[in-house]
Structures are given as C-alpha cells and as structure tokens.
Amino acid sequence: MNKVIILLLVTLSVWAAPYKVGQSVMPLDLFDQFGKRVTLKVMPKTLIMAFEKGTGATVNEYLTAQEKGYLAKNKAAFVADISQMPKFITESFALPKMRKYTHRVLLIQDEEQGLNFPYQEGKITIMKFRGNFLVKVDFIDNEADLKKAIEQ
C-alpha cells in the first residue's frame, strides 16, 4: 500500500512540475479581464507572470504608465494568476479594477494551470520564448528590471 501512495505522489509531483528551460509550452487558453477568451497558439517573446497581489500591482503600475500597445509592440503578454483569490473578491473588486487598465491582463483562474509555471515568492516571473520553446526564466521584483526584461 505504501508503494502505491509513493508512486501516486511522485506521479503528481512530476505532473504538476513547472515548465523548464528547453521545454515546449502548449498553447494557453485563458480569459482576459473582460471575459474574452484568448488563445496563445504561439507564445509571445516575453511572458510576464504575477502570482501575488504585490507583484501584480508592480506590473500593472508599470504597464499603466506605458503607451497603449506597449505589450504588443514588445511581443509580450501579461498573465496574472488569480486562482487563489476568493470568487467574491475577484468579481466584486479585482475584475472591476482590472477593467480600467488599458493593457490586457490574461487570467489564470484554475490553480492546477498555475502550477505549470515557475514561481518564486515575492517575484515577477519573466519567461522568454522562441516559438513555443521556453529559452529563459528570470525572477524580478522591480519596475526597472521589468522594463529591461520586456524591451530586450
């Protein structure tokens, strides 16, 4: 019986392991802050990911200060993992606030989907792609590094 439990835990940990450099990332099918379905068949050059309120605020403050179309111009996309947020908070406060942004925020609402992406507490995840292949992962925590990551 113990062998079965160990095998199950190992299988689940491998299944939920975040993407690694060199891996191909499957197309992402997400909704934006307006409820519009967005499918990224080919990953953008830069994927910016926030998993916490503070890191999301840093990204949104930076993007709000940029000209309209900044993400598209730099072949980038922003994804916020809101899967841990209570539904009431999401619908009553978070989404109405996000709808005021001029930039698109793609939303991870399924906790299991969020587990596919690299994460460090208190950091913004920056993933660089060539096609659908992940070529680099960085973890940053300030607007200056965010600007550099998006524009290089």
N, C-alpha and C. Protein backbone atom coordinates (compact mmCIF):
# COMPACT_ATOMS: atom_id res chain seq x y z
N MET A 1 0.82 -1.19 0.00
CA MET A 1 0.00 0.00 0.00
C MET A 1 0.86 1.26 0.00
N ASN A 2 1.93 1.28 0.80
CA ASN A 2 2.81 2.43 0.86
C ASN A 2 3.45 2.71 -0.49
N LYS A 3 3.78 1.66 -1.24
CA LYS A 3 4.39 1.82 -2.57
C LYS A 3 3.41 2.53 -3.52
N VAL A 4 2.15 2.20 -3.41
CA VAL A 4 1.13 2.83 -4.26
C VAL A 4 1.03 4.32 -3.93
N ILE A 5 1.03 4.68 -2.67
CA ILE A 5 0.95 6.09 -2.27
C ILE A 5 2.18 6.84 -2.74
N ILE A 6 3.35 6.26 -2.58
CA ILE A 6 4.59 6.91 -3.02
C ILE A 6 4.57 7.10 -4.53
N LEU A 7 4.17 6.10 -5.27
CA LEU A 7 4.09 6.20 -6.73
C LEU A 7 3.10 7.29 -7.14
N LEU A 8 1.98 7.37 -6.45
CA LEU A 8 0.98 8.40 -6.75
C LEU A 8 1.55 9.80 -6.48
N LEU A 9 2.23 9.98 -5.36
CA LEU A 9 2.82 11.28 -5.03
C LEU A 9 3.89 11.68 -6.03
N VAL A 10 4.73 10.75 -6.44
CA VAL A 10 5.77 11.04 -7.43
C VAL A 10 5.12 11.42 -8.76
N THR A 11 4.09 10.70 -9.17
CA THR A 11 3.40 11.00 -10.41
C THR A 11 2.78 12.38 -10.37
N LEU A 12 2.13 12.72 -9.25
CA LEU A 12 1.51 14.03 -9.13
C LEU A 12 2.55 15.14 -9.12
N SER A 13 3.68 14.93 -8.46
CA SER A 13 4.71 15.98 -8.41
C SER A 13 5.32 16.20 -9.78
N VAL A 14 5.48 15.17 -10.56
CA VAL A 14 6.00 15.32 -11.93
C VAL A 14 4.97 16.01 -12.80
N TRP A 15 3.70 15.61 -12.64
CA TRP A 15 2.63 16.18 -13.45
C TRP A 15 2.47 17.67 -13.18
N ALA A 16 2.66 18.09 -11.94
CA ALA A 16 2.44 19.48 -11.57
C ALA A 16 3.73 20.31 -11.61
N ALA A 17 4.81 19.73 -12.10
CA ALA A 17 6.09 20.44 -12.13
C ALA A 17 6.01 21.61 -13.11
N PRO A 18 6.60 22.74 -12.74
CA PRO A 18 6.58 23.90 -13.64
C PRO A 18 7.44 23.66 -14.88
N TYR A 19 7.09 24.40 -15.94
CA TYR A 19 7.87 24.33 -17.17
C TYR A 19 9.33 24.65 -16.88
N LYS A 20 10.21 24.01 -17.66
CA LYS A 20 11.65 24.23 -17.52
C LYS A 20 12.22 24.70 -18.85
N VAL A 21 13.34 25.39 -18.78
CA VAL A 21 14.02 25.86 -19.99
C VAL A 21 14.25 24.67 -20.92
N GLY A 22 13.96 24.88 -22.20
CA GLY A 22 14.11 23.83 -23.21
C GLY A 22 12.81 23.09 -23.49
N GLN A 23 11.84 23.26 -22.63
CA GLN A 23 10.56 22.59 -22.80
C GLN A 23 9.66 23.36 -23.75
N SER A 24 8.82 22.64 -24.45
CA SER A 24 7.79 23.25 -25.28
C SER A 24 6.57 23.52 -24.41
N VAL A 25 6.00 24.70 -24.54
CA VAL A 25 4.83 25.09 -23.77
C VAL A 25 3.62 25.01 -24.69
N MET A 26 2.63 24.28 -24.24
CA MET A 26 1.42 24.12 -25.03
C MET A 26 0.71 25.46 -25.16
N PRO A 27 -0.09 25.63 -26.20
CA PRO A 27 -0.86 26.87 -26.31
C PRO A 27 -1.66 27.13 -25.05
N LEU A 28 -1.75 28.39 -24.68
CA LEU A 28 -2.51 28.78 -23.49
C LEU A 28 -3.89 29.26 -23.91
N ASP A 29 -4.88 28.81 -23.21
CA ASP A 29 -6.26 29.22 -23.44
C ASP A 29 -6.75 29.86 -22.15
N LEU A 30 -6.83 31.19 -22.15
CA LEU A 30 -7.18 31.96 -20.96
C LEU A 30 -8.27 32.97 -21.28
N PHE A 31 -8.81 33.59 -20.25
CA PHE A 31 -9.74 34.70 -20.41
C PHE A 31 -9.04 35.96 -19.94
N ASP A 32 -9.38 37.10 -20.57
CA ASP A 32 -8.83 38.37 -20.11
C ASP A 32 -9.78 38.97 -19.07
N GLN A 33 -9.45 40.18 -18.62
CA GLN A 33 -10.23 40.81 -17.55
C GLN A 33 -11.66 41.19 -18.00
N PHE A 34 -11.93 41.13 -19.30
CA PHE A 34 -13.26 41.44 -19.81
C PHE A 34 -14.07 40.17 -20.11
N GLY A 35 -13.48 39.00 -19.80
CA GLY A 35 -14.15 37.74 -20.05
C GLY A 35 -13.99 37.23 -21.47
N LYS A 36 -13.11 37.86 -22.24
CA LYS A 36 -12.86 37.44 -23.62
C LYS A 36 -11.82 36.31 -23.62
N ARG A 37 -12.16 35.22 -24.31
CA ARG A 37 -11.24 34.09 -24.41
C ARG A 37 -10.08 34.47 -25.33
N VAL A 38 -8.87 34.20 -24.87
CA VAL A 38 -7.65 34.48 -25.64
C VAL A 38 -6.84 33.20 -25.69
N THR A 39 -6.50 32.76 -26.90
CA THR A 39 -5.67 31.58 -27.07
C THR A 39 -4.32 32.01 -27.62
N LEU A 40 -3.28 31.73 -26.87
CA LEU A 40 -1.92 31.99 -27.34
C LEU A 40 -1.42 30.70 -27.98
N LYS A 41 -1.62 30.59 -29.31
CA LYS A 41 -1.17 29.38 -30.02
C LYS A 41 0.34 29.34 -30.10
N VAL A 42 0.93 30.51 -30.31
CA VAL A 42 2.38 30.65 -30.27
C VAL A 42 2.68 31.62 -29.14
N MET A 43 3.58 31.21 -28.27
CA MET A 43 3.88 32.04 -27.12
C MET A 43 4.54 33.35 -27.56
N PRO A 44 4.27 34.43 -26.84
CA PRO A 44 4.94 35.70 -27.16
C PRO A 44 6.42 35.58 -26.81
N LYS A 45 7.20 36.54 -27.28
CA LYS A 45 8.63 36.55 -26.95
C LYS A 45 8.84 36.61 -25.43
N THR A 46 8.01 37.41 -24.76
CA THR A 46 8.12 37.58 -23.31
C THR A 46 6.76 37.37 -22.66
N LEU A 47 6.73 36.50 -21.66
CA LEU A 47 5.52 36.28 -20.88
C LEU A 47 5.83 36.76 -19.45
N ILE A 48 5.05 37.74 -19.01
CA ILE A 48 5.20 38.32 -17.67
C ILE A 48 4.13 37.68 -16.81
N MET A 49 4.53 37.15 -15.65
CA MET A 49 3.56 36.46 -14.81
C MET A 49 3.61 36.97 -13.38
N ALA A 50 2.43 37.22 -12.82
CA ALA A 50 2.32 37.62 -11.42
C ALA A 50 1.43 36.61 -10.70
N PHE A 51 1.91 36.17 -9.55
CA PHE A 51 1.18 35.16 -8.78
C PHE A 51 0.65 35.71 -7.46
N GLU A 52 1.00 36.98 -7.14
CA GLU A 52 0.61 37.58 -5.87
C GLU A 52 0.09 38.99 -6.10
N LYS A 53 -0.67 39.50 -5.15
CA LYS A 53 -1.23 40.84 -5.26
C LYS A 53 -0.14 41.89 -5.45
N GLY A 54 0.93 41.82 -4.67
CA GLY A 54 2.00 42.82 -4.73
C GLY A 54 2.74 42.82 -6.06
N THR A 55 3.06 41.63 -6.57
CA THR A 55 3.77 41.58 -7.85
C THR A 55 2.85 42.00 -8.99
N GLY A 56 1.57 41.65 -8.89
CA GLY A 56 0.60 42.09 -9.89
C GLY A 56 0.48 43.60 -9.90
N ALA A 57 0.49 44.21 -8.72
CA ALA A 57 0.40 45.67 -8.63
C ALA A 57 1.62 46.33 -9.27
N THR A 58 2.79 45.77 -9.06
CA THR A 58 4.01 46.32 -9.67
C THR A 58 3.91 46.29 -11.19
N VAL A 59 3.48 45.16 -11.73
CA VAL A 59 3.35 45.03 -13.19
C VAL A 59 2.29 45.98 -13.72
N ASN A 60 1.13 46.02 -13.07
CA ASN A 60 0.04 46.89 -13.54
C ASN A 60 0.41 48.36 -13.46
N GLU A 61 1.09 48.78 -12.41
CA GLU A 61 1.53 50.18 -12.31
C GLU A 61 2.48 50.53 -13.44
N TYR A 62 3.41 49.64 -13.72
CA TYR A 62 4.36 49.89 -14.81
C TYR A 62 3.64 49.96 -16.16
N LEU A 63 2.79 48.97 -16.43
CA LEU A 63 2.11 48.91 -17.73
C LEU A 63 1.14 50.07 -17.91
N THR A 64 0.50 50.51 -16.83
CA THR A 64 -0.44 51.62 -16.91
C THR A 64 0.27 52.91 -17.34
N ALA A 65 1.53 53.04 -16.97
CA ALA A 65 2.31 54.24 -17.31
C ALA A 65 2.85 54.22 -18.75
N GLN A 66 2.70 53.10 -19.44
CA GLN A 66 3.22 52.97 -20.81
C GLN A 66 2.14 53.34 -21.83
N GLU A 67 2.60 53.60 -23.04
CA GLU A 67 1.65 53.93 -24.11
C GLU A 67 0.82 52.71 -24.48
N LYS A 68 -0.36 52.97 -25.02
CA LYS A 68 -1.25 51.89 -25.46
C LYS A 68 -0.52 51.07 -26.53
N GLY A 69 -0.63 49.78 -26.44
CA GLY A 69 0.02 48.90 -27.40
C GLY A 69 1.44 48.51 -27.04
N TYR A 70 1.89 48.92 -25.85
CA TYR A 70 3.26 48.66 -25.40
C TYR A 70 3.57 47.16 -25.38
N LEU A 71 2.67 46.35 -24.85
CA LEU A 71 2.91 44.91 -24.79
C LEU A 71 3.01 44.31 -26.20
N ALA A 72 2.08 44.65 -27.06
CA ALA A 72 2.11 44.12 -28.43
C ALA A 72 3.38 44.55 -29.17
N LYS A 73 3.74 45.82 -29.02
CA LYS A 73 4.95 46.35 -29.66
C LYS A 73 6.19 45.56 -29.25
N ASN A 74 6.21 45.12 -28.00
CA ASN A 74 7.37 44.39 -27.49
C ASN A 74 7.17 42.87 -27.48
N LYS A 75 6.14 42.41 -28.18
CA LYS A 75 5.83 40.97 -28.28
C LYS A 75 5.79 40.32 -26.90
N ALA A 76 4.98 40.92 -26.04
CA ALA A 76 4.87 40.46 -24.66
C ALA A 76 3.40 40.29 -24.28
N ALA A 77 3.18 39.51 -23.24
CA ALA A 77 1.84 39.34 -22.68
C ALA A 77 1.97 39.26 -21.17
N PHE A 78 0.93 39.72 -20.48
CA PHE A 78 0.89 39.69 -19.03
C PHE A 78 -0.17 38.72 -18.56
N VAL A 79 0.22 37.81 -17.68
CA VAL A 79 -0.69 36.82 -17.11
C VAL A 79 -0.68 36.97 -15.59
N ALA A 80 -1.86 37.09 -15.00
CA ALA A 80 -2.00 37.14 -13.55
C ALA A 80 -2.71 35.88 -13.09
N ASP A 81 -2.11 35.20 -12.13
CA ASP A 81 -2.73 34.01 -11.55
C ASP A 81 -3.61 34.47 -10.39
N ILE A 82 -4.90 34.41 -10.60
CA ILE A 82 -5.85 34.83 -9.56
C ILE A 82 -6.60 33.62 -8.99
N SER A 83 -6.06 32.44 -9.21
CA SER A 83 -6.75 31.21 -8.81
C SER A 83 -6.92 31.09 -7.30
N GLN A 84 -6.08 31.74 -6.51
CA GLN A 84 -6.19 31.66 -5.05
C GLN A 84 -7.15 32.70 -4.47
N MET A 85 -7.57 33.63 -5.31
CA MET A 85 -8.43 34.72 -4.84
C MET A 85 -9.87 34.21 -4.68
N PRO A 86 -10.51 34.51 -3.57
CA PRO A 86 -11.93 34.12 -3.41
C PRO A 86 -12.78 34.73 -4.53
N LYS A 87 -13.73 33.95 -5.02
CA LYS A 87 -14.56 34.37 -6.14
C LYS A 87 -15.27 35.70 -5.87
N PHE A 88 -15.75 35.90 -4.66
CA PHE A 88 -16.42 37.14 -4.32
C PHE A 88 -15.49 38.34 -4.50
N ILE A 89 -14.26 38.22 -4.03
CA ILE A 89 -13.27 39.30 -4.15
C ILE A 89 -12.94 39.54 -5.63
N THR A 90 -12.76 38.45 -6.37
CA THR A 90 -12.45 38.56 -7.80
C THR A 90 -13.53 39.35 -8.52
N GLU A 91 -14.78 38.94 -8.33
CA GLU A 91 -15.88 39.54 -9.07
C GLU A 91 -16.26 40.94 -8.56
N SER A 92 -16.14 41.16 -7.27
CA SER A 92 -16.57 42.44 -6.69
C SER A 92 -15.52 43.54 -6.77
N PHE A 93 -14.25 43.16 -6.68
CA PHE A 93 -13.20 44.17 -6.59
C PHE A 93 -12.12 44.06 -7.66
N ALA A 94 -11.54 42.85 -7.82
CA ALA A 94 -10.38 42.70 -8.70
C ALA A 94 -10.72 42.95 -10.17
N LEU A 95 -11.74 42.26 -10.68
CA LEU A 95 -12.07 42.43 -12.10
C LEU A 95 -12.52 43.85 -12.44
N PRO A 96 -13.38 44.48 -11.64
CA PRO A 96 -13.73 45.88 -11.97
C PRO A 96 -12.50 46.79 -12.02
N LYS A 97 -11.56 46.59 -11.12
CA LYS A 97 -10.33 47.39 -11.14
C LYS A 97 -9.52 47.09 -12.40
N MET A 98 -9.38 45.81 -12.74
CA MET A 98 -8.61 45.42 -13.93
C MET A 98 -9.23 45.94 -15.22
N ARG A 99 -10.53 46.08 -15.25
CA ARG A 99 -11.20 46.55 -16.47
C ARG A 99 -10.88 48.01 -16.77
N LYS A 100 -10.32 48.72 -15.82
CA LYS A 100 -9.92 50.11 -16.04
C LYS A 100 -8.55 50.21 -16.72
N TYR A 101 -7.79 49.12 -16.74
CA TYR A 101 -6.47 49.15 -17.37
C TYR A 101 -6.60 49.22 -18.88
N THR A 102 -5.67 49.92 -19.52
CA THR A 102 -5.65 49.96 -20.98
C THR A 102 -4.91 48.75 -21.55
N HIS A 103 -4.17 48.03 -20.72
CA HIS A 103 -3.46 46.84 -21.18
C HIS A 103 -4.29 45.60 -20.84
N ARG A 104 -4.05 44.55 -21.60
CA ARG A 104 -4.75 43.29 -21.40
C ARG A 104 -4.08 42.50 -20.28
N VAL A 105 -4.92 41.94 -19.41
CA VAL A 105 -4.45 41.06 -18.34
C VAL A 105 -5.09 39.70 -18.60
N LEU A 106 -4.28 38.70 -18.91
CA LEU A 106 -4.77 37.34 -19.08
C LEU A 106 -4.81 36.71 -17.69
N LEU A 107 -5.84 35.92 -17.43
CA LEU A 107 -6.07 35.43 -16.08
C LEU A 107 -6.02 33.91 -15.98
N ILE A 108 -5.22 33.44 -15.03
CA ILE A 108 -5.25 32.03 -14.66
C ILE A 108 -6.22 31.93 -13.50
N GLN A 109 -7.29 31.16 -13.72
CA GLN A 109 -8.31 31.02 -12.69
C GLN A 109 -8.35 29.60 -12.14
N ASP A 110 -7.58 28.71 -12.73
CA ASP A 110 -7.52 27.31 -12.31
C ASP A 110 -6.17 27.06 -11.64
N GLU A 111 -6.21 26.71 -10.37
CA GLU A 111 -4.99 26.51 -9.59
C GLU A 111 -4.04 25.51 -10.25
N GLU A 112 -4.59 24.44 -10.83
CA GLU A 112 -3.73 23.43 -11.46
C GLU A 112 -2.98 24.02 -12.65
N GLN A 113 -3.61 24.89 -13.41
CA GLN A 113 -2.94 25.51 -14.54
C GLN A 113 -1.79 26.40 -14.06
N GLY A 114 -1.99 27.09 -12.96
CA GLY A 114 -0.95 27.95 -12.41
C GLY A 114 0.29 27.18 -11.98
N LEU A 115 0.12 25.93 -11.57
CA LEU A 115 1.24 25.11 -11.13
C LEU A 115 2.21 24.78 -12.26
N ASN A 116 1.80 25.01 -13.50
CA ASN A 116 2.66 24.72 -14.65
C ASN A 116 3.77 25.76 -14.83
N PHE A 117 3.68 26.86 -14.12
CA PHE A 117 4.59 27.97 -14.37
C PHE A 117 5.55 28.18 -13.20
N PRO A 118 6.81 28.53 -13.51
CA PRO A 118 7.79 28.77 -12.45
C PRO A 118 7.37 29.95 -11.58
N TYR A 119 7.68 29.84 -10.29
CA TYR A 119 7.24 30.85 -9.33
C TYR A 119 8.26 30.97 -8.20
N GLN A 120 8.52 32.18 -7.77
CA GLN A 120 9.27 32.45 -6.55
C GLN A 120 8.48 33.48 -5.77
N GLU A 121 8.34 33.25 -4.48
CA GLU A 121 7.58 34.16 -3.62
C GLU A 121 8.12 35.59 -3.71
N GLY A 122 7.20 36.54 -3.90
CA GLY A 122 7.57 37.95 -3.94
C GLY A 122 8.22 38.40 -5.23
N LYS A 123 8.22 37.56 -6.26
CA LYS A 123 8.89 37.88 -7.52
C LYS A 123 7.92 37.82 -8.69
N ILE A 124 8.23 38.59 -9.71
CA ILE A 124 7.53 38.55 -11.00
C ILE A 124 8.29 37.53 -11.84
N THR A 125 7.58 36.61 -12.45
CA THR A 125 8.22 35.61 -13.32
C THR A 125 8.27 36.16 -14.73
N ILE A 126 9.46 36.13 -15.33
CA ILE A 126 9.65 36.53 -16.73
C ILE A 126 10.08 35.29 -17.50
N MET A 127 9.27 34.91 -18.47
CA MET A 127 9.59 33.75 -19.31
C MET A 127 9.85 34.25 -20.72
N LYS A 128 10.97 33.82 -21.29
CA LYS A 128 11.34 34.18 -22.66
C LYS A 128 11.15 32.96 -23.55
N PHE A 129 10.56 33.18 -24.72
CA PHE A 129 10.26 32.09 -25.63
C PHE A 129 10.85 32.33 -27.02
N ARG A 130 11.14 31.25 -27.68
CA ARG A 130 11.43 31.23 -29.10
C ARG A 130 10.43 30.23 -29.66
N GLY A 131 9.42 30.78 -30.35
CA GLY A 131 8.29 29.93 -30.73
C GLY A 131 7.59 29.50 -29.45
N ASN A 132 7.34 28.22 -29.30
CA ASN A 132 6.73 27.72 -28.07
C ASN A 132 7.75 27.12 -27.12
N PHE A 133 9.04 27.29 -27.41
CA PHE A 133 10.08 26.73 -26.56
C PHE A 133 10.56 27.77 -25.55
N LEU A 134 10.53 27.38 -24.30
CA LEU A 134 10.99 28.23 -23.21
C LEU A 134 12.51 28.27 -23.24
N VAL A 135 13.08 29.47 -23.41
CA VAL A 135 14.53 29.59 -23.50
C VAL A 135 15.17 30.24 -22.28
N LYS A 136 14.35 30.92 -21.43
CA LYS A 136 14.93 31.59 -20.27
C LYS A 136 13.83 31.91 -19.26
N VAL A 137 14.16 31.80 -17.98
CA VAL A 137 13.25 32.19 -16.90
C VAL A 137 14.03 33.08 -15.94
N ASP A 138 13.47 34.23 -15.63
CA ASP A 138 14.05 35.13 -14.63
C ASP A 138 12.98 35.49 -13.62
N PHE A 139 13.43 35.85 -12.43
CA PHE A 139 12.54 36.30 -11.37
C PHE A 139 13.00 37.69 -10.96
N ILE A 140 12.10 38.66 -11.07
CA ILE A 140 12.46 40.05 -10.79
C ILE A 140 11.49 40.65 -9.78
N ASP A 141 11.84 41.84 -9.25
CA ASP A 141 10.95 42.42 -8.25
C ASP A 141 10.81 43.93 -8.33
N ASN A 142 11.22 44.53 -9.46
CA ASN A 142 11.07 45.99 -9.55
C ASN A 142 10.81 46.42 -10.99
N GLU A 143 10.34 47.66 -11.13
CA GLU A 143 9.95 48.18 -12.44
C GLU A 143 11.13 48.34 -13.39
N ALA A 144 12.30 48.70 -12.89
CA ALA A 144 13.47 48.86 -13.76
C ALA A 144 13.83 47.54 -14.43
N ASP A 145 13.82 46.46 -13.66
CA ASP A 145 14.12 45.14 -14.24
C ASP A 145 12.99 44.69 -15.15
N LEU A 146 11.76 45.07 -14.83
CA LEU A 146 10.62 44.72 -15.68
C LEU A 146 10.75 45.39 -17.05
N LYS A 147 11.09 46.67 -17.04
CA LYS A 147 11.29 47.40 -18.30
C LYS A 147 12.36 46.73 -19.15
N LYS A 148 13.47 46.40 -18.53
CA LYS A 148 14.59 45.77 -19.23
C LYS A 148 14.16 44.42 -19.80
N ALA A 149 13.45 43.63 -19.01
CA ALA A 149 13.01 42.31 -19.45
C ALA A 149 12.05 42.38 -20.63
N ILE A 150 11.16 43.36 -20.63
CA ILE A 150 10.19 43.49 -21.71
C ILE A 150 10.84 44.02 -22.97
N GLU A 151 11.73 44.96 -22.83
CA GLU A 151 12.25 45.68 -24.01
C GLU A 151 13.50 45.03 -24.63
N GLN A 152 14.08 44.03 -24.01
CA GLN A 152 15.25 43.40 -24.63
C GLN A 152 14.88 42.23 -25.51
